[in-house]
Amino acid sequence: KELELVAAISRSGDKTSYTNYVQGRFTISRDNAV
């Protein structure tokens, strides 16, 4: 299969997106300071 998006997060971290099969199980986050 081709690459599939699992999760993504906006530049500031205020918006996230998840594929259906990980909703409620996976959490994406970011720390721009590091």
PDB file of all heavy atoms in Angstrom:
ATOM      1  N   LYS A   1       0.838  -1.196   0.000  1.00  0.00           N
ATOM      2  CA  LYS A   1       0.000   0.000   0.000  1.00  0.00           C
ATOM      3  C   LYS A   1       0.870   1.241   0.000  1.00  0.00           C
ATOM      4  O   LYS A   1       2.028   1.231   0.324  1.00  0.00           O
ATOM      5  CB  LYS A   1      -0.916   0.008   1.218  1.00  0.00           C
ATOM      6  CG  LYS A   1      -1.961  -1.088   1.226  1.00  0.00           C
ATOM      7  CD  LYS A   1      -2.930  -0.907   2.387  1.00  0.00           C
ATOM      8  CE  LYS A   1      -4.002  -1.963   2.376  1.00  0.00           C
ATOM      9  NZ  LYS A   1      -4.962  -1.786   3.506  1.00  0.00           N
ATOM     10  N   GLU A   2       0.268   2.320  -0.354  1.00  0.00           N
ATOM     11  CA  GLU A   2       0.948   3.593  -0.319  1.00  0.00           C
ATOM     12  C   GLU A   2       1.009   4.099   1.122  1.00  0.00           C
ATOM     13  O   GLU A   2       0.373   3.562   2.013  1.00  0.00           O
ATOM     14  CB  GLU A   2       0.203   4.598  -1.204  1.00  0.00           C
ATOM     15  CG  GLU A   2       0.182   4.244  -2.670  1.00  0.00           C
ATOM     16  CD  GLU A   2      -0.529   5.291  -3.496  1.00  0.00           C
ATOM     17  OE1 GLU A   2      -1.065   6.241  -2.908  1.00  0.00           O
ATOM     18  OE2 GLU A   2      -0.537   5.177  -4.729  1.00  0.00           O
ATOM     19  N   LEU A   3       1.753   5.164   1.282  1.00  0.00           N
ATOM     20  CA  LEU A   3       1.805   5.799   2.589  1.00  0.00           C
ATOM     21  C   LEU A   3       0.422   6.324   2.964  1.00  0.00           C
ATOM     22  O   LEU A   3      -0.260   6.938   2.150  1.00  0.00           O
ATOM     23  CB  LEU A   3       2.797   6.956   2.575  1.00  0.00           C
ATOM     24  CG  LEU A   3       4.279   6.597   2.695  1.00  0.00           C
ATOM     25  CD1 LEU A   3       5.130   7.801   2.380  1.00  0.00           C
ATOM     26  CD2 LEU A   3       4.587   6.062   4.073  1.00  0.00           C
ATOM     27  N   GLU A   4       0.070   6.093   4.209  1.00  0.00           N
ATOM     28  CA  GLU A   4      -1.220   6.553   4.717  1.00  0.00           C
ATOM     29  C   GLU A   4      -0.993   7.483   5.906  1.00  0.00           C
ATOM     30  O   GLU A   4      -0.190   7.178   6.780  1.00  0.00           O
ATOM     31  CB  GLU A   4      -2.063   5.375   5.193  1.00  0.00           C
ATOM     32  CG  GLU A   4      -2.350   4.321   4.148  1.00  0.00           C
ATOM     33  CD  GLU A   4      -3.047   3.121   4.729  1.00  0.00           C
ATOM     34  OE1 GLU A   4      -2.710   2.742   5.872  1.00  0.00           O
ATOM     35  OE2 GLU A   4      -3.934   2.570   4.064  1.00  0.00           O
ATOM     36  N   LEU A   5      -1.736   8.573   5.928  1.00  0.00           N
ATOM     37  CA  LEU A   5      -1.637   9.475   7.067  1.00  0.00           C
ATOM     38  C   LEU A   5      -2.257   8.818   8.295  1.00  0.00           C
ATOM     39  O   LEU A   5      -3.375   8.300   8.232  1.00  0.00           O
ATOM     40  CB  LEU A   5      -2.351  10.789   6.760  1.00  0.00           C
ATOM     41  CG  LEU A   5      -2.349  11.810   7.900  1.00  0.00           C
ATOM     42  CD1 LEU A   5      -0.939  12.343   8.137  1.00  0.00           C
ATOM     43  CD2 LEU A   5      -3.321  12.953   7.605  1.00  0.00           C
ATOM     44  N   VAL A   6      -1.527   8.863   9.386  1.00  0.00           N
ATOM     45  CA  VAL A   6      -2.038   8.388  10.667  1.00  0.00           C
ATOM     46  C   VAL A   6      -2.575   9.568  11.470  1.00  0.00           C
ATOM     47  O   VAL A   6      -3.698   9.529  11.980  1.00  0.00           O
ATOM     48  CB  VAL A   6      -0.938   7.671  11.468  1.00  0.00           C
ATOM     49  CG1 VAL A   6      -1.447   7.267  12.848  1.00  0.00           C
ATOM     50  CG2 VAL A   6      -0.435   6.461  10.708  1.00  0.00           C
ATOM     51  N   ALA A   7      -1.777  10.612  11.581  1.00  0.00           N
ATOM     52  CA  ALA A   7      -2.171  11.803  12.336  1.00  0.00           C
ATOM     53  C   ALA A   7      -1.327  12.977  11.866  1.00  0.00           C
ATOM     54  O   ALA A   7      -0.203  12.790  11.389  1.00  0.00           O
ATOM     55  CB  ALA A   7      -1.989  11.598  13.834  1.00  0.00           C
ATOM     56  N   ALA A   8      -1.866  14.164  12.015  1.00  0.00           N
ATOM     57  CA  ALA A   8      -1.130  15.369  11.664  1.00  0.00           C
ATOM     58  C   ALA A   8      -1.499  16.483  12.629  1.00  0.00           C
ATOM     59  O   ALA A   8      -2.559  16.443  13.266  1.00  0.00           O
ATOM     60  CB  ALA A   8      -1.415  15.789  10.223  1.00  0.00           C
ATOM     61  N   ILE A   9      -0.617  17.464  12.714  1.00  0.00           N
ATOM     62  CA  ILE A   9      -0.815  18.554  13.660  1.00  0.00           C
ATOM     63  C   ILE A   9      -0.367  19.860  13.016  1.00  0.00           C
ATOM     64  O   ILE A   9       0.629  19.904  12.288  1.00  0.00           O
ATOM     65  CB  ILE A   9      -0.047  18.267  14.973  1.00  0.00           C
ATOM     66  CG1 ILE A   9      -0.393  19.276  16.059  1.00  0.00           C
ATOM     67  CG2 ILE A   9       1.458  18.179  14.737  1.00  0.00           C
ATOM     68  CD1 ILE A   9       0.079  18.860  17.450  1.00  0.00           C
ATOM     69  N   SER A  10      -1.106  20.912  13.299  1.00  0.00           N
ATOM     70  CA  SER A  10      -0.811  22.220  12.722  1.00  0.00           C
ATOM     71  C   SER A  10       0.470  22.805  13.314  1.00  0.00           C
ATOM     72  O   SER A  10       1.027  22.291  14.277  1.00  0.00           O
ATOM     73  CB  SER A  10      -1.978  23.172  12.976  1.00  0.00           C
ATOM     74  OG  SER A  10      -2.150  23.373  14.380  1.00  0.00           O
ATOM     75  N   ARG A  11       0.898  23.892  12.735  1.00  0.00           N
ATOM     76  CA  ARG A  11       2.173  24.505  13.129  1.00  0.00           C
ATOM     77  C   ARG A  11       2.199  24.895  14.599  1.00  0.00           C
ATOM     78  O   ARG A  11       3.204  24.701  15.285  1.00  0.00           O
ATOM     79  CB  ARG A  11       2.437  25.726  12.257  1.00  0.00           C
ATOM     80  CG  ARG A  11       2.648  25.389  10.792  1.00  0.00           C
ATOM     81  CD  ARG A  11       2.843  26.637   9.963  1.00  0.00           C
ATOM     82  NE  ARG A  11       1.654  27.480   9.982  1.00  0.00           N
ATOM     83  CZ  ARG A  11       1.617  28.694   9.472  1.00  0.00           C
ATOM     84  NH1 ARG A  11       2.697  29.225   8.919  1.00  0.00           N
ATOM     85  NH2 ARG A  11       0.499  29.393   9.510  1.00  0.00           N
ATOM     86  N   SER A  12       1.093  25.432  15.079  1.00  0.00           N
ATOM     87  CA  SER A  12       1.050  25.856  16.478  1.00  0.00           C
ATOM     88  C   SER A  12       0.583  24.757  17.413  1.00  0.00           C
ATOM     89  O   SER A  12       0.649  24.910  18.640  1.00  0.00           O
ATOM     90  CB  SER A  12       0.130  27.069  16.622  1.00  0.00           C
ATOM     91  OG  SER A  12      -1.200  26.690  16.322  1.00  0.00           O
ATOM     92  N   GLY A  13       0.062  23.684  16.842  1.00  0.00           N
ATOM     93  CA  GLY A  13      -0.448  22.585  17.645  1.00  0.00           C
ATOM     94  C   GLY A  13      -1.906  22.725  18.034  1.00  0.00           C
ATOM     95  O   GLY A  13      -2.422  21.897  18.789  1.00  0.00           O
ATOM     96  N   ASP A  14      -2.583  23.719  17.509  1.00  0.00           N
ATOM     97  CA  ASP A  14      -3.971  23.953  17.921  1.00  0.00           C
ATOM     98  C   ASP A  14      -4.970  23.113  17.139  1.00  0.00           C
ATOM     99  O   ASP A  14      -6.153  23.051  17.498  1.00  0.00           O
ATOM    100  CB  ASP A  14      -4.330  25.429  17.801  1.00  0.00           C
ATOM    101  CG  ASP A  14      -4.290  25.926  16.368  1.00  0.00           C
ATOM    102  OD1 ASP A  14      -3.588  25.307  15.542  1.00  0.00           O
ATOM    103  OD2 ASP A  14      -4.942  26.942  16.070  1.00  0.00           O
ATOM    104  N   LYS A  15      -4.494  22.483  16.084  1.00  0.00           N
ATOM    105  CA  LYS A  15      -5.406  21.661  15.284  1.00  0.00           C
ATOM    106  C   LYS A  15      -4.743  20.328  14.975  1.00  0.00           C
ATOM    107  O   LYS A  15      -3.555  20.287  14.639  1.00  0.00           O
ATOM    108  CB  LYS A  15      -5.770  22.372  13.991  1.00  0.00           C
ATOM    109  CG  LYS A  15      -6.774  21.629  13.121  1.00  0.00           C
ATOM    110  CD  LYS A  15      -7.182  22.465  11.925  1.00  0.00           C
ATOM    111  CE  LYS A  15      -8.037  23.635  12.329  1.00  0.00           C
ATOM    112  NZ  LYS A  15      -8.594  24.359  11.166  1.00  0.00           N
ATOM    113  N   THR A  16      -5.520  19.263  15.100  1.00  0.00           N
ATOM    114  CA  THR A  16      -5.023  17.925  14.800  1.00  0.00           C
ATOM    115  C   THR A  16      -5.999  17.194  13.897  1.00  0.00           C
ATOM    116  O   THR A  16      -7.174  17.560  13.797  1.00  0.00           O
ATOM    117  CB  THR A  16      -4.813  17.100  16.080  1.00  0.00           C
ATOM    118  OG1 THR A  16      -6.053  17.015  16.789  1.00  0.00           O
ATOM    119  CG2 THR A  16      -3.754  17.718  16.980  1.00  0.00           C
ATOM    120  N   SER A  17      -5.489  16.166  13.264  1.00  0.00           N
ATOM    121  CA  SER A  17      -6.307  15.338  12.383  1.00  0.00           C
ATOM    122  C   SER A  17      -5.848  13.896  12.534  1.00  0.00           C
ATOM    123  O   SER A  17      -4.641  13.644  12.621  1.00  0.00           O
ATOM    124  CB  SER A  17      -6.156  15.811  10.933  1.00  0.00           C
ATOM    125  OG  SER A  17      -6.899  15.001  10.057  1.00  0.00           O
ATOM    126  N   TYR A  18      -6.811  12.961  12.542  1.00  0.00           N
ATOM    127  CA  TYR A  18      -6.491  11.557  12.722  1.00  0.00           C
ATOM    128  C   TYR A  18      -7.237  10.717  11.693  1.00  0.00           C
ATOM    129  O   TYR A  18      -8.372  11.040  11.312  1.00  0.00           O
ATOM    130  CB  TYR A  18      -6.915  11.070  14.111  1.00  0.00           C
ATOM    131  CG  TYR A  18      -6.194  11.748  15.242  1.00  0.00           C
ATOM    132  CD1 TYR A  18      -6.711  12.897  15.829  1.00  0.00           C
ATOM    133  CD2 TYR A  18      -4.996  11.240  15.734  1.00  0.00           C
ATOM    134  CE1 TYR A  18      -6.053  13.531  16.873  1.00  0.00           C
ATOM    135  CE2 TYR A  18      -4.328  11.864  16.777  1.00  0.00           C
ATOM    136  CZ  TYR A  18      -4.871  13.007  17.341  1.00  0.00           C
ATOM    137  OH  TYR A  18      -4.211  13.634  18.366  1.00  0.00           O
ATOM    138  N   THR A  19      -6.616   9.627  11.295  1.00  0.00           N
ATOM    139  CA  THR A  19      -7.343   8.685  10.484  1.00  0.00           C
ATOM    140  C   THR A  19      -8.293   7.908  11.388  1.00  0.00           C
ATOM    141  O   THR A  19      -8.058   7.776  12.595  1.00  0.00           O
ATOM    142  CB  THR A  19      -6.375   7.754   9.740  1.00  0.00           C
ATOM    143  OG1 THR A  19      -7.087   7.016   8.762  1.00  0.00           O
ATOM    144  CG2 THR A  19      -5.706   6.782  10.698  1.00  0.00           C
ATOM    145  N   ASN A  20      -9.357   7.378  10.796  1.00  0.00           N
ATOM    146  CA  ASN A  20     -10.427   6.806  11.621  1.00  0.00           C
ATOM    147  C   ASN A  20      -9.963   5.681  12.529  1.00  0.00           C
ATOM    148  O   ASN A  20     -10.401   5.575  13.682  1.00  0.00           O
ATOM    149  CB  ASN A  20     -11.556   6.309  10.711  1.00  0.00           C
ATOM    150  CG  ASN A  20     -12.356   7.437  10.108  1.00  0.00           C
ATOM    151  OD1 ASN A  20     -12.310   8.569  10.605  1.00  0.00           O
ATOM    152  ND2 ASN A  20     -13.077   7.154   9.040  1.00  0.00           N
ATOM    153  N   TYR A  21      -9.067   4.844  12.042  1.00  0.00           N
ATOM    154  CA  TYR A  21      -8.748   3.639  12.810  1.00  0.00           C
ATOM    155  C   TYR A  21      -7.850   3.909  14.011  1.00  0.00           C
ATOM    156  O   TYR A  21      -7.565   2.990  14.778  1.00  0.00           O
ATOM    157  CB  TYR A  21      -8.163   2.541  11.912  1.00  0.00           C
ATOM    158  CG  TYR A  21      -6.928   2.928  11.138  1.00  0.00           C
ATOM    159  CD1 TYR A  21      -5.672   2.945  11.733  1.00  0.00           C
ATOM    160  CD2 TYR A  21      -7.012   3.257   9.784  1.00  0.00           C
ATOM    161  CE1 TYR A  21      -4.549   3.293  11.026  1.00  0.00           C
ATOM    162  CE2 TYR A  21      -5.890   3.617   9.067  1.00  0.00           C
ATOM    163  CZ  TYR A  21      -4.658   3.631   9.689  1.00  0.00           C
ATOM    164  OH  TYR A  21      -3.547   3.984   8.972  1.00  0.00           O
ATOM    165  N   VAL A  22      -7.386   5.155  14.201  1.00  0.00           N
ATOM    166  CA  VAL A  22      -6.603   5.452  15.396  1.00  0.00           C
ATOM    167  C   VAL A  22      -7.311   6.437  16.304  1.00  0.00           C
ATOM    168  O   VAL A  22      -6.814   6.755  17.395  1.00  0.00           O
ATOM    169  CB  VAL A  22      -5.197   5.991  15.048  1.00  0.00           C
ATOM    170  CG1 VAL A  22      -4.455   5.025  14.145  1.00  0.00           C
ATOM    171  CG2 VAL A  22      -5.259   7.387  14.443  1.00  0.00           C
ATOM    172  N   GLN A  23      -8.454   6.930  15.873  1.00  0.00           N
ATOM    173  CA  GLN A  23      -9.213   7.877  16.695  1.00  0.00           C
ATOM    174  C   GLN A  23      -9.470   7.288  18.082  1.00  0.00           C
ATOM    175  O   GLN A  23      -9.890   6.160  18.211  1.00  0.00           O
ATOM    176  CB  GLN A  23     -10.561   8.182  16.037  1.00  0.00           C
ATOM    177  CG  GLN A  23     -10.503   9.170  14.904  1.00  0.00           C
ATOM    178  CD  GLN A  23     -10.537  10.610  15.384  1.00  0.00           C
ATOM    179  OE1 GLN A  23     -10.502  10.883  16.583  1.00  0.00           O
ATOM    180  NE2 GLN A  23     -10.582  11.539  14.446  1.00  0.00           N
ATOM    181  N   GLY A  24      -9.173   8.063  19.099  1.00  0.00           N
ATOM    182  CA  GLY A  24      -9.392   7.624  20.473  1.00  0.00           C
ATOM    183  C   GLY A  24      -8.263   6.785  21.034  1.00  0.00           C
ATOM    184  O   GLY A  24      -8.231   6.520  22.243  1.00  0.00           O
ATOM    185  N   ARG A  25      -7.326   6.355  20.198  1.00  0.00           N
ATOM    186  CA  ARG A  25      -6.207   5.523  20.670  1.00  0.00           C
ATOM    187  C   ARG A  25      -4.873   6.265  20.573  1.00  0.00           C
ATOM    188  O   ARG A  25      -4.001   6.100  21.425  1.00  0.00           O
ATOM    189  CB  ARG A  25      -6.121   4.229  19.870  1.00  0.00           C
ATOM    190  CG  ARG A  25      -7.343   3.341  19.966  1.00  0.00           C
ATOM    191  CD  ARG A  25      -7.067   1.963  19.375  1.00  0.00           C
ATOM    192  NE  ARG A  25      -6.755   2.012  17.949  1.00  0.00           N
ATOM    193  CZ  ARG A  25      -5.673   1.484  17.411  1.00  0.00           C
ATOM    194  NH1 ARG A  25      -4.760   0.869  18.152  1.00  0.00           N
ATOM    195  NH2 ARG A  25      -5.478   1.549  16.087  1.00  0.00           N
ATOM    196  N   PHE A  26      -4.697   7.039  19.536  1.00  0.00           N
ATOM    197  CA  PHE A  26      -3.435   7.748  19.298  1.00  0.00           C
ATOM    198  C   PHE A  26      -3.636   9.242  19.520  1.00  0.00           C
ATOM    199  O   PHE A  26      -4.700   9.791  19.250  1.00  0.00           O
ATOM    200  CB  PHE A  26      -2.952   7.545  17.870  1.00  0.00           C
ATOM    201  CG  PHE A  26      -2.529   6.144  17.511  1.00  0.00           C
ATOM    202  CD1 PHE A  26      -2.719   5.071  18.372  1.00  0.00           C
ATOM    203  CD2 PHE A  26      -1.910   5.895  16.286  1.00  0.00           C
ATOM    204  CE1 PHE A  26      -2.323   3.794  18.044  1.00  0.00           C
ATOM    205  CE2 PHE A  26      -1.510   4.619  15.930  1.00  0.00           C
ATOM    206  CZ  PHE A  26      -1.720   3.573  16.813  1.00  0.00           C
ATOM    207  N   THR A  27      -2.588   9.893  19.991  1.00  0.00           N
ATOM    208  CA  THR A  27      -2.601  11.340  20.183  1.00  0.00           C
ATOM    209  C   THR A  27      -1.314  11.940  19.635  1.00  0.00           C
ATOM    210  O   THR A  27      -0.223  11.515  20.022  1.00  0.00           O
ATOM    211  CB  THR A  27      -2.732  11.707  21.665  1.00  0.00           C
ATOM    212  OG1 THR A  27      -3.916  11.119  22.210  1.00  0.00           O
ATOM    213  CG2 THR A  27      -2.809  13.220  21.841  1.00  0.00           C
ATOM    214  N   ILE A  28      -1.466  12.908  18.758  1.00  0.00           N
ATOM    215  CA  ILE A  28      -0.310  13.615  18.230  1.00  0.00           C
ATOM    216  C   ILE A  28      -0.142  14.918  18.990  1.00  0.00           C
ATOM    217  O   ILE A  28      -1.128  15.581  19.346  1.00  0.00           O
ATOM    218  CB  ILE A  28      -0.449  13.868  16.707  1.00  0.00           C
ATOM    219  CG1 ILE A  28       0.853  14.420  16.131  1.00  0.00           C
ATOM    220  CG2 ILE A  28      -1.628  14.763  16.396  1.00  0.00           C
ATOM    221  CD1 ILE A  28       0.866  14.479  14.603  1.00  0.00           C
ATOM    222  N   SER A  29       1.098  15.281  19.251  1.00  0.00           N
ATOM    223  CA  SER A  29       1.386  16.543  19.919  1.00  0.00           C
ATOM    224  C   SER A  29       2.750  17.034  19.454  1.00  0.00           C
ATOM    225  O   SER A  29       3.488  16.289  18.797  1.00  0.00           O
ATOM    226  CB  SER A  29       1.374  16.380  21.443  1.00  0.00           C
ATOM    227  OG  SER A  29       2.360  15.456  21.856  1.00  0.00           O
ATOM    228  N   ARG A  30       3.076  18.253  19.795  1.00  0.00           N
ATOM    229  CA  ARG A  30       4.371  18.793  19.400  1.00  0.00           C
ATOM    230  C   ARG A  30       4.869  19.764  20.444  1.00  0.00           C
ATOM    231  O   ARG A  30       4.089  20.382  21.178  1.00  0.00           O
ATOM    232  CB  ARG A  30       4.283  19.483  18.039  1.00  0.00           C
ATOM    233  CG  ARG A  30       3.437  20.736  18.015  1.00  0.00           C
ATOM    234  CD  ARG A  30       3.225  21.217  16.572  1.00  0.00           C
ATOM    235  NE  ARG A  30       4.476  21.638  15.953  1.00  0.00           N
ATOM    236  CZ  ARG A  30       4.642  21.779  14.640  1.00  0.00           C
ATOM    237  NH1 ARG A  30       3.630  21.515  13.814  1.00  0.00           N
ATOM    238  NH2 ARG A  30       5.805  22.171  14.140  1.00  0.00           N
ATOM    239  N   ASP A  31       6.163  19.914  20.485  1.00  0.00           N
ATOM    240  CA  ASP A  31       6.803  20.889  21.360  1.00  0.00           C
ATOM    241  C   ASP A  31       7.759  21.682  20.493  1.00  0.00           C
ATOM    242  O   ASP A  31       8.862  21.215  20.169  1.00  0.00           O
ATOM    243  CB  ASP A  31       7.543  20.177  22.497  1.00  0.00           C
ATOM    244  CG  ASP A  31       8.107  21.147  23.529  1.00  0.00           C
ATOM    245  OD1 ASP A  31       8.259  22.334  23.201  1.00  0.00           O
ATOM    246  OD2 ASP A  31       8.403  20.714  24.645  1.00  0.00           O
ATOM    247  N   ASN A  32       7.331  22.860  20.108  1.00  0.00           N
ATOM    248  CA  ASN A  32       8.147  23.670  19.210  1.00  0.00           C
ATOM    249  C   ASN A  32       9.429  24.167  19.878  1.00  0.00           C
ATOM    250  O   ASN A  32      10.389  24.523  19.198  1.00  0.00           O
ATOM    251  CB  ASN A  32       7.339  24.848  18.686  1.00  0.00           C
ATOM    252  CG  ASN A  32       6.288  24.421  17.670  1.00  0.00           C
ATOM    253  OD1 ASN A  32       6.312  23.295  17.174  1.00  0.00           O
ATOM    254  ND2 ASN A  32       5.354  25.308  17.374  1.00  0.00           N
ATOM    255  N   ALA A  33       9.454  24.172  21.198  1.00  0.00           N
ATOM    256  CA  ALA A  33      10.652  24.621  21.905  1.00  0.00           C
ATOM    257  C   ALA A  33      11.812  23.643  21.735  1.00  0.00           C
ATOM    258  O   ALA A  33      12.983  24.043  21.812  1.00  0.00           O
ATOM    259  CB  ALA A  33      10.348  24.812  23.383  1.00  0.00           C
ATOM    260  N   VAL A  34      11.471  22.375  21.495  1.00  0.00           N
ATOM    261  CA  VAL A  34      12.523  21.363  21.321  1.00  0.00           C
ATOM    262  C   VAL A  34      12.443  20.699  19.960  1.00  0.00           C
ATOM    263  O   VAL A  34      13.054  19.653  19.728  1.00  0.00           O
ATOM    264  CB  VAL A  34      12.469  20.307  22.447  1.00  0.00           C
ATOM    265  CG1 VAL A  34      12.803  20.939  23.783  1.00  0.00           C
ATOM    266  CG2 VAL A  34      11.121  19.625  22.505  1.00  0.00           C
TER     267      VAL A  34
END
